[in-house]
Amino acid sequence: MQYTLSASPLLAHHDPPAVAAVLAALVPTVQVHLPTGPRCVPLRTLPALFVAIPDPRRARGCRYRVPALLAATLAALLCNHLSQLAAAEWLHDQLPPIQRALGFVPGRTPTSVPLTASWPC
């Protein structure tokens, strides 16, 4: 997902770092606290991290893709939502651009059941 700024010709005369800060504010991110300091990670990059993981589920009943489920779980964990129910509620409460960036159709997010029942032990 890519955001564009409609007033980009007007911003051409401004300071490039200021323009970069405005554009960065338009991209949904999650802030991760590292030992070296806080870092903002664009949410749209999280599902790409999990594309290579095979889906252990049968095709019957699969509503959500594995990369989207893992990205949402990771983003919720990074925001200190530590249970499957808390992660599902966190995802449900996010704005549509964030849900879309994580790989979901806005308004159609999983409950805690797909997050727990989809993974064989």
N, C-alpha and C. Protein backbone atom coordinates (compact mmCIF):
# COMPACT_ATOMS: atom_id res chain seq x y z
N MET A 1 0.84 -1.15 0.00
CA MET A 1 0.00 0.00 0.00
C MET A 1 0.90 1.23 0.00
N GLN A 2 0.59 2.17 -0.85
CA GLN A 2 1.42 3.36 -0.96
C GLN A 2 0.53 4.58 -0.82
N TYR A 3 1.00 5.55 -0.06
CA TYR A 3 0.26 6.79 0.14
C TYR A 3 0.90 7.87 -0.71
N THR A 4 0.09 8.70 -1.30
CA THR A 4 0.61 9.83 -2.05
C THR A 4 0.02 11.10 -1.48
N LEU A 5 0.73 12.16 -1.62
CA LEU A 5 0.28 13.44 -1.11
C LEU A 5 -0.15 14.28 -2.29
N SER A 6 -1.41 14.73 -2.30
CA SER A 6 -1.93 15.45 -3.46
C SER A 6 -1.28 16.81 -3.62
N ALA A 7 -0.74 17.37 -2.56
CA ALA A 7 -0.12 18.69 -2.64
C ALA A 7 1.39 18.59 -2.85
N SER A 8 1.87 17.53 -3.48
CA SER A 8 3.31 17.34 -3.62
C SER A 8 4.01 18.46 -4.40
N PRO A 9 3.41 19.10 -5.45
CA PRO A 9 4.12 20.22 -6.08
C PRO A 9 4.33 21.39 -5.12
N LEU A 10 3.42 21.57 -4.17
CA LEU A 10 3.57 22.66 -3.21
C LEU A 10 4.70 22.37 -2.22
N LEU A 11 4.95 21.09 -1.96
CA LEU A 11 5.99 20.73 -1.01
C LEU A 11 7.38 20.74 -1.62
N ALA A 12 7.49 20.90 -2.92
CA ALA A 12 8.79 20.86 -3.59
C ALA A 12 9.70 22.00 -3.13
N HIS A 13 9.12 23.10 -2.66
CA HIS A 13 9.92 24.25 -2.25
C HIS A 13 10.29 24.20 -0.78
N HIS A 14 9.86 23.15 -0.06
CA HIS A 14 10.12 23.04 1.37
C HIS A 14 11.36 22.19 1.64
N ASP A 15 11.76 22.20 2.87
CA ASP A 15 12.92 21.44 3.33
C ASP A 15 12.65 19.93 3.16
N PRO A 16 13.53 19.17 2.48
CA PRO A 16 13.32 17.73 2.28
C PRO A 16 13.10 16.94 3.56
N PRO A 17 13.83 17.19 4.66
CA PRO A 17 13.53 16.43 5.89
C PRO A 17 12.11 16.69 6.40
N ALA A 18 11.62 17.92 6.25
CA ALA A 18 10.26 18.23 6.68
C ALA A 18 9.24 17.48 5.83
N VAL A 19 9.50 17.40 4.52
CA VAL A 19 8.61 16.66 3.62
C VAL A 19 8.63 15.18 3.98
N ALA A 20 9.81 14.64 4.27
CA ALA A 20 9.91 13.23 4.66
C ALA A 20 9.15 12.96 5.94
N ALA A 21 9.17 13.89 6.87
CA ALA A 21 8.44 13.72 8.13
C ALA A 21 6.94 13.72 7.89
N VAL A 22 6.46 14.57 6.98
CA VAL A 22 5.03 14.60 6.65
C VAL A 22 4.62 13.30 5.98
N LEU A 23 5.41 12.82 5.04
CA LEU A 23 5.09 11.58 4.35
C LEU A 23 5.14 10.38 5.29
N ALA A 24 6.10 10.37 6.22
CA ALA A 24 6.19 9.27 7.18
C ALA A 24 4.98 9.23 8.10
N ALA A 25 4.40 10.39 8.37
CA ALA A 25 3.22 10.44 9.23
C ALA A 25 2.00 9.82 8.55
N LEU A 26 2.02 9.71 7.23
CA LEU A 26 0.88 9.16 6.50
C LEU A 26 0.90 7.64 6.44
N VAL A 27 2.02 7.01 6.76
CA VAL A 27 2.16 5.55 6.68
C VAL A 27 1.89 4.95 8.05
N PRO A 28 0.94 3.99 8.16
CA PRO A 28 0.71 3.36 9.47
C PRO A 28 1.94 2.60 9.93
N THR A 29 2.37 2.88 11.16
CA THR A 29 3.56 2.23 11.71
C THR A 29 3.27 1.72 13.12
N VAL A 30 4.13 0.85 13.58
CA VAL A 30 4.12 0.42 14.97
C VAL A 30 5.48 0.81 15.54
N GLN A 31 5.47 1.36 16.75
CA GLN A 31 6.72 1.79 17.37
C GLN A 31 7.27 0.65 18.22
N VAL A 32 8.51 0.25 17.93
CA VAL A 32 9.17 -0.83 18.64
C VAL A 32 10.26 -0.20 19.51
N HIS A 33 10.29 -0.58 20.77
CA HIS A 33 11.30 -0.06 21.69
C HIS A 33 12.47 -1.03 21.73
N LEU A 34 13.59 -0.61 21.16
CA LEU A 34 14.82 -1.40 21.11
C LEU A 34 15.82 -0.85 22.12
N PRO A 35 16.86 -1.61 22.46
CA PRO A 35 17.89 -1.08 23.37
C PRO A 35 18.55 0.18 22.82
N THR A 36 18.60 0.31 21.50
CA THR A 36 19.21 1.49 20.89
C THR A 36 18.25 2.66 20.80
N GLY A 37 17.01 2.46 21.20
CA GLY A 37 16.00 3.53 21.15
C GLY A 37 14.78 3.09 20.38
N PRO A 38 13.72 3.90 20.41
CA PRO A 38 12.50 3.53 19.69
C PRO A 38 12.68 3.59 18.18
N ARG A 39 11.99 2.70 17.49
CA ARG A 39 12.06 2.65 16.03
C ARG A 39 10.66 2.39 15.49
N CYS A 40 10.28 3.10 14.44
CA CYS A 40 8.98 2.92 13.81
C CYS A 40 9.12 1.96 12.63
N VAL A 41 8.28 0.93 12.63
CA VAL A 41 8.30 -0.08 11.56
C VAL A 41 7.00 0.05 10.78
N PRO A 42 7.06 0.25 9.45
CA PRO A 42 5.83 0.33 8.67
C PRO A 42 5.07 -0.99 8.73
N LEU A 43 3.78 -0.93 9.03
CA LEU A 43 2.97 -2.14 9.15
C LEU A 43 2.87 -2.90 7.84
N ARG A 44 2.94 -2.20 6.72
CA ARG A 44 2.78 -2.87 5.43
C ARG A 44 3.94 -3.83 5.14
N THR A 45 5.05 -3.69 5.86
CA THR A 45 6.19 -4.59 5.63
C THR A 45 6.09 -5.88 6.43
N LEU A 46 5.25 -5.93 7.46
CA LEU A 46 5.17 -7.11 8.31
C LEU A 46 4.66 -8.35 7.58
N PRO A 47 3.56 -8.30 6.78
CA PRO A 47 3.13 -9.53 6.11
C PRO A 47 4.19 -10.11 5.17
N ALA A 48 5.02 -9.28 4.58
CA ALA A 48 6.06 -9.77 3.67
C ALA A 48 7.09 -10.62 4.41
N LEU A 49 7.24 -10.42 5.71
CA LEU A 49 8.19 -11.22 6.48
C LEU A 49 7.76 -12.68 6.58
N PHE A 50 6.46 -12.94 6.47
CA PHE A 50 5.92 -14.27 6.74
C PHE A 50 5.43 -15.01 5.49
N VAL A 51 5.70 -14.50 4.31
CA VAL A 51 5.19 -15.12 3.09
C VAL A 51 5.77 -16.52 2.87
N ALA A 52 6.99 -16.76 3.28
CA ALA A 52 7.65 -18.04 3.02
C ALA A 52 7.20 -19.15 3.97
N ILE A 53 6.44 -18.81 5.01
CA ILE A 53 6.00 -19.83 5.98
C ILE A 53 4.83 -20.61 5.37
N PRO A 54 4.94 -21.95 5.29
CA PRO A 54 3.84 -22.73 4.71
C PRO A 54 2.63 -22.75 5.63
N ASP A 55 1.46 -22.86 5.03
CA ASP A 55 0.20 -22.88 5.77
C ASP A 55 -0.11 -24.32 6.17
N PRO A 56 -0.12 -24.66 7.46
CA PRO A 56 -0.37 -26.04 7.88
C PRO A 56 -1.85 -26.41 7.88
N ARG A 57 -2.72 -25.45 7.59
CA ARG A 57 -4.16 -25.72 7.67
C ARG A 57 -4.68 -26.34 6.39
N ARG A 58 -5.80 -27.05 6.54
CA ARG A 58 -6.48 -27.55 5.34
C ARG A 58 -7.21 -26.38 4.69
N ALA A 59 -7.50 -26.49 3.40
CA ALA A 59 -8.14 -25.40 2.67
C ALA A 59 -9.55 -25.12 3.19
N ARG A 60 -10.22 -26.13 3.72
CA ARG A 60 -11.58 -25.95 4.20
C ARG A 60 -11.58 -25.05 5.45
N GLY A 61 -12.28 -23.97 5.38
CA GLY A 61 -12.43 -23.10 6.54
C GLY A 61 -11.37 -22.03 6.71
N CYS A 62 -10.41 -21.93 5.79
CA CYS A 62 -9.38 -20.89 5.91
C CYS A 62 -9.94 -19.57 5.41
N ARG A 63 -10.07 -18.62 6.29
CA ARG A 63 -10.59 -17.31 5.90
C ARG A 63 -9.51 -16.25 5.82
N TYR A 64 -8.45 -16.44 6.58
CA TYR A 64 -7.41 -15.43 6.65
C TYR A 64 -6.08 -16.05 6.25
N ARG A 65 -5.26 -15.28 5.56
CA ARG A 65 -3.96 -15.77 5.12
C ARG A 65 -2.98 -15.80 6.30
N VAL A 66 -2.08 -16.77 6.25
CA VAL A 66 -1.10 -16.94 7.32
C VAL A 66 -0.23 -15.69 7.51
N PRO A 67 0.31 -15.07 6.44
CA PRO A 67 1.11 -13.87 6.67
C PRO A 67 0.35 -12.76 7.38
N ALA A 68 -0.93 -12.60 7.06
CA ALA A 68 -1.73 -11.57 7.72
C ALA A 68 -1.95 -11.90 9.19
N LEU A 69 -2.24 -13.17 9.50
CA LEU A 69 -2.44 -13.57 10.89
C LEU A 69 -1.17 -13.37 11.71
N LEU A 70 -0.03 -13.77 11.15
CA LEU A 70 1.23 -13.63 11.87
C LEU A 70 1.63 -12.16 12.02
N ALA A 71 1.40 -11.36 10.98
CA ALA A 71 1.73 -9.94 11.06
C ALA A 71 0.88 -9.24 12.11
N ALA A 72 -0.41 -9.57 12.15
CA ALA A 72 -1.29 -8.95 13.15
C ALA A 72 -0.91 -9.38 14.56
N THR A 73 -0.55 -10.66 14.71
CA THR A 73 -0.14 -11.15 16.03
C THR A 73 1.15 -10.46 16.48
N LEU A 74 2.12 -10.33 15.57
CA LEU A 74 3.38 -9.67 15.91
C LEU A 74 3.15 -8.20 16.26
N ALA A 75 2.35 -7.51 15.46
CA ALA A 75 2.08 -6.09 15.73
C ALA A 75 1.39 -5.92 17.08
N ALA A 76 0.45 -6.80 17.40
CA ALA A 76 -0.23 -6.72 18.69
C ALA A 76 0.73 -7.01 19.84
N LEU A 77 1.61 -7.99 19.66
CA LEU A 77 2.60 -8.29 20.70
C LEU A 77 3.54 -7.11 20.92
N LEU A 78 3.95 -6.46 19.83
CA LEU A 78 4.82 -5.30 19.95
C LEU A 78 4.13 -4.14 20.65
N CYS A 79 2.80 -4.13 20.61
CA CYS A 79 2.02 -3.10 21.30
C CYS A 79 1.57 -3.56 22.69
N ASN A 80 2.20 -4.63 23.19
CA ASN A 80 1.98 -5.15 24.53
C ASN A 80 0.60 -5.78 24.75
N HIS A 81 0.04 -6.37 23.72
CA HIS A 81 -1.20 -7.15 23.84
C HIS A 81 -0.77 -8.61 23.78
N LEU A 82 -0.72 -9.26 24.93
CA LEU A 82 0.01 -10.51 25.07
C LEU A 82 -0.81 -11.79 24.92
N SER A 83 -2.12 -11.72 24.84
CA SER A 83 -2.93 -12.93 24.65
C SER A 83 -3.57 -12.90 23.27
N GLN A 84 -4.09 -14.07 22.85
CA GLN A 84 -4.75 -14.12 21.55
C GLN A 84 -5.99 -13.24 21.53
N LEU A 85 -6.74 -13.23 22.63
CA LEU A 85 -7.93 -12.39 22.71
C LEU A 85 -7.56 -10.91 22.64
N ALA A 86 -6.51 -10.53 23.37
CA ALA A 86 -6.06 -9.14 23.34
C ALA A 86 -5.57 -8.75 21.95
N ALA A 87 -4.88 -9.66 21.26
CA ALA A 87 -4.40 -9.38 19.91
C ALA A 87 -5.57 -9.21 18.95
N ALA A 88 -6.59 -10.07 19.07
CA ALA A 88 -7.76 -9.96 18.20
C ALA A 88 -8.52 -8.67 18.47
N GLU A 89 -8.65 -8.29 19.73
CA GLU A 89 -9.34 -7.04 20.06
C GLU A 89 -8.53 -5.84 19.58
N TRP A 90 -7.20 -5.91 19.71
CA TRP A 90 -6.36 -4.81 19.23
C TRP A 90 -6.55 -4.62 17.73
N LEU A 91 -6.53 -5.71 16.98
CA LEU A 91 -6.69 -5.62 15.52
C LEU A 91 -8.07 -5.08 15.16
N HIS A 92 -9.10 -5.52 15.86
CA HIS A 92 -10.46 -5.06 15.60
C HIS A 92 -10.60 -3.56 15.84
N ASP A 93 -9.87 -3.03 16.83
CA ASP A 93 -9.97 -1.61 17.20
C ASP A 93 -9.14 -0.68 16.32
N GLN A 94 -8.31 -1.24 15.42
CA GLN A 94 -7.45 -0.40 14.59
C GLN A 94 -8.24 0.25 13.46
N LEU A 95 -7.72 1.36 12.96
CA LEU A 95 -8.34 2.06 11.84
C LEU A 95 -8.22 1.23 10.57
N PRO A 96 -9.12 1.44 9.60
CA PRO A 96 -9.06 0.67 8.35
C PRO A 96 -7.71 0.70 7.63
N PRO A 97 -6.98 1.82 7.57
CA PRO A 97 -5.67 1.76 6.90
C PRO A 97 -4.70 0.80 7.58
N ILE A 98 -4.78 0.67 8.89
CA ILE A 98 -3.89 -0.25 9.60
C ILE A 98 -4.30 -1.68 9.33
N GLN A 99 -5.61 -1.95 9.36
CA GLN A 99 -6.09 -3.30 9.06
C GLN A 99 -5.69 -3.70 7.64
N ARG A 100 -5.80 -2.77 6.70
CA ARG A 100 -5.43 -3.04 5.31
C ARG A 100 -3.93 -3.28 5.18
N ALA A 101 -3.13 -2.49 5.89
CA ALA A 101 -1.67 -2.63 5.83
C ALA A 101 -1.22 -3.99 6.37
N LEU A 102 -1.97 -4.55 7.31
CA LEU A 102 -1.62 -5.85 7.87
C LEU A 102 -2.14 -7.01 7.03
N GLY A 103 -2.92 -6.73 5.99
CA GLY A 103 -3.37 -7.79 5.10
C GLY A 103 -4.81 -8.21 5.27
N PHE A 104 -5.62 -7.41 5.95
CA PHE A 104 -7.02 -7.75 6.17
C PHE A 104 -7.93 -6.78 5.43
N VAL A 105 -9.14 -7.24 5.14
CA VAL A 105 -10.17 -6.36 4.61
C VAL A 105 -10.68 -5.56 5.80
N PRO A 106 -10.71 -4.23 5.72
CA PRO A 106 -11.16 -3.44 6.85
C PRO A 106 -12.56 -3.86 7.31
N GLY A 107 -12.68 -4.04 8.62
CA GLY A 107 -13.95 -4.45 9.20
C GLY A 107 -14.13 -5.96 9.26
N ARG A 108 -13.26 -6.73 8.61
CA ARG A 108 -13.35 -8.20 8.62
C ARG A 108 -12.06 -8.76 9.21
N THR A 109 -11.95 -8.66 10.51
CA THR A 109 -10.77 -9.14 11.21
C THR A 109 -11.13 -10.39 12.00
N PRO A 110 -10.14 -11.24 12.28
CA PRO A 110 -10.45 -12.48 13.00
C PRO A 110 -10.73 -12.25 14.48
N THR A 111 -11.50 -13.18 15.04
CA THR A 111 -11.65 -13.22 16.49
C THR A 111 -10.46 -14.00 17.03
N SER A 112 -10.45 -14.28 18.31
CA SER A 112 -9.32 -15.03 18.86
C SER A 112 -9.31 -16.48 18.42
N VAL A 113 -10.46 -17.00 17.95
CA VAL A 113 -10.53 -18.40 17.54
C VAL A 113 -9.61 -18.71 16.36
N PRO A 114 -9.61 -17.93 15.24
CA PRO A 114 -8.67 -18.24 14.16
C PRO A 114 -7.21 -18.11 14.59
N LEU A 115 -6.93 -17.25 15.55
CA LEU A 115 -5.54 -17.08 15.97
C LEU A 115 -5.06 -18.29 16.77
N THR A 116 -5.96 -18.98 17.47
CA THR A 116 -5.54 -20.12 18.29
C THR A 116 -5.81 -21.45 17.61
N ALA A 117 -6.97 -21.60 16.97
CA ALA A 117 -7.35 -22.90 16.41
C ALA A 117 -6.65 -23.22 15.10
N SER A 118 -6.04 -22.24 14.45
CA SER A 118 -5.43 -22.51 13.15
C SER A 118 -4.09 -23.18 13.24
N TRP A 119 -3.46 -23.17 14.38
CA TRP A 119 -2.10 -23.69 14.48
C TRP A 119 -2.08 -25.01 15.20
N PRO A 120 -1.66 -26.10 14.50
CA PRO A 120 -1.56 -27.39 15.16
C PRO A 120 -0.40 -27.39 16.16
N CYS A 121 -0.59 -28.09 17.25
CA CYS A 121 0.48 -28.15 18.28
C CYS A 121 1.47 -29.24 17.96
